[in-house]
Protein backbone atom coordinates (compact mmCIF):
# COMPACT_ATOMS: atom_id res chain seq x y z
CA UNK A 1 0.00 0.00 0.00
CA UNK A 2 1.29 3.47 -0.90
CA UNK A 3 2.20 5.82 1.95
CA UNK A 4 2.29 9.64 1.74
CA UNK A 5 3.66 12.25 4.11
CA UNK A 6 1.61 14.85 5.97
CA UNK A 7 3.15 17.55 3.75
CA UNK A 8 2.12 15.71 0.59
CA UNK A 9 -1.44 15.36 1.88
CA UNK A 10 -1.58 19.09 2.64
CA UNK A 11 -0.24 19.92 -0.84
CA UNK A 12 -2.96 17.75 -2.40
CA UNK A 13 -5.63 19.61 -0.43
CA UNK A 14 -4.26 23.01 -1.48
CA UNK A 15 -4.14 21.92 -5.15
CA UNK A 16 -7.74 20.73 -4.87
CA UNK A 17 -8.71 24.08 -3.32
CA UNK A 18 -7.04 25.90 -6.22
CA UNK A 19 -8.94 23.73 -8.71
CA UNK A 20 -12.27 24.47 -7.01
CA UNK A 21 -11.48 28.19 -7.13
CA UNK A 22 -10.56 28.06 -10.83
CA UNK A 23 -13.83 26.24 -11.55
CA UNK A 24 -15.74 29.01 -9.77
CA UNK A 25 -17.06 26.66 -7.09
CA UNK A 26 -15.20 28.38 -4.28
CA UNK A 27 -13.90 31.83 -3.39
CA UNK A 28 -10.95 30.67 -1.31
CA UNK A 29 -10.19 34.13 0.10
CA UNK A 30 -13.81 34.79 1.18
CA UNK A 31 -15.74 31.55 1.72
CA UNK A 32 -15.79 29.44 4.85
CA UNK A 33 -15.28 25.83 3.79
CA UNK A 34 -14.09 22.36 4.75
CA UNK A 35 -12.24 19.86 2.55
CA UNK A 36 -11.81 16.22 3.53
CA UNK A 37 -9.07 14.05 2.02
CA UNK A 38 -10.12 10.46 2.78
CA UNK A 39 -7.43 7.78 2.83
CA UNK A 40 -7.37 4.02 3.35
CA UNK A 41 -7.87 2.47 6.80
CA UNK A 42 -10.44 5.18 7.60
CA UNK A 43 -7.73 7.83 7.84
CA UNK A 44 -8.47 11.40 6.77
CA UNK A 45 -6.98 14.87 6.64
CA UNK A 46 -9.55 17.62 7.15
CA UNK A 47 -8.91 21.28 6.32
CA UNK A 48 -11.22 24.00 7.62
CA UNK A 49 -11.08 27.64 6.56
CA UNK A 50 -13.18 30.11 8.54
CA UNK A 51 -13.05 33.30 10.56
CA UNK A 52 -11.78 32.92 14.11
CA UNK A 53 -13.16 34.77 17.15
CA UNK A 54 -11.18 37.88 16.16
CA UNK A 55 -12.71 37.91 12.68
CA UNK A 56 -9.46 36.86 11.00
CA UNK A 57 -9.37 34.03 8.45
CA UNK A 58 -7.85 30.91 9.86
CA UNK A 59 -6.82 27.62 8.25
CA UNK A 60 -6.82 24.57 10.50
CA UNK A 61 -6.04 20.92 9.84
CA UNK A 62 -7.30 17.85 11.64
CA UNK A 63 -5.74 14.42 11.18
CA UNK A 64 -7.83 11.40 12.09
CA UNK A 65 -7.24 7.67 11.98
CA UNK A 66 -10.91 6.73 12.30
CA UNK A 67 -13.31 8.63 10.02
CA UNK A 68 -16.60 7.21 8.79
CA UNK A 69 -18.24 8.90 5.81
CA UNK A 70 -21.96 8.44 5.34
CA UNK A 71 -23.63 8.45 1.94
CA UNK A 72 -24.75 11.85 0.72
CA UNK A 73 -28.44 12.54 1.29
CA UNK A 74 -29.73 13.32 -2.20
CA UNK A 75 -31.98 16.36 -2.68
CA UNK A 76 -31.56 17.33 0.99
CA UNK A 77 -29.98 20.41 2.60
CA UNK A 78 -29.74 21.73 6.14
CA UNK A 79 -32.32 24.38 6.89
CA UNK A 80 -29.75 26.61 8.64
CA UNK A 81 -28.03 27.64 5.39
CA UNK A 82 -29.22 29.83 2.54
CA UNK A 83 -31.09 27.69 0.04
CA UNK A 84 -29.98 29.68 -3.02
CA UNK A 85 -26.34 28.52 -2.88
């Protein structure tokens, strides 16, 4: 099984973020967002970008060795977000 370093995983997430921005799906400098890089053995690297308590943009990473991903609920959104997105 292939093994990658933490730095390589982070680079992959940043490249994916750049791709989303180029496709117009994300405004990386303005939007709050989370990206999950799932790996084998239920491992995952999770990047969150959001404003902190001081109103400054903050990037944080979470590394987990036990992540379970449920199937997407089709045609369903949370009622706490704007529906026109």
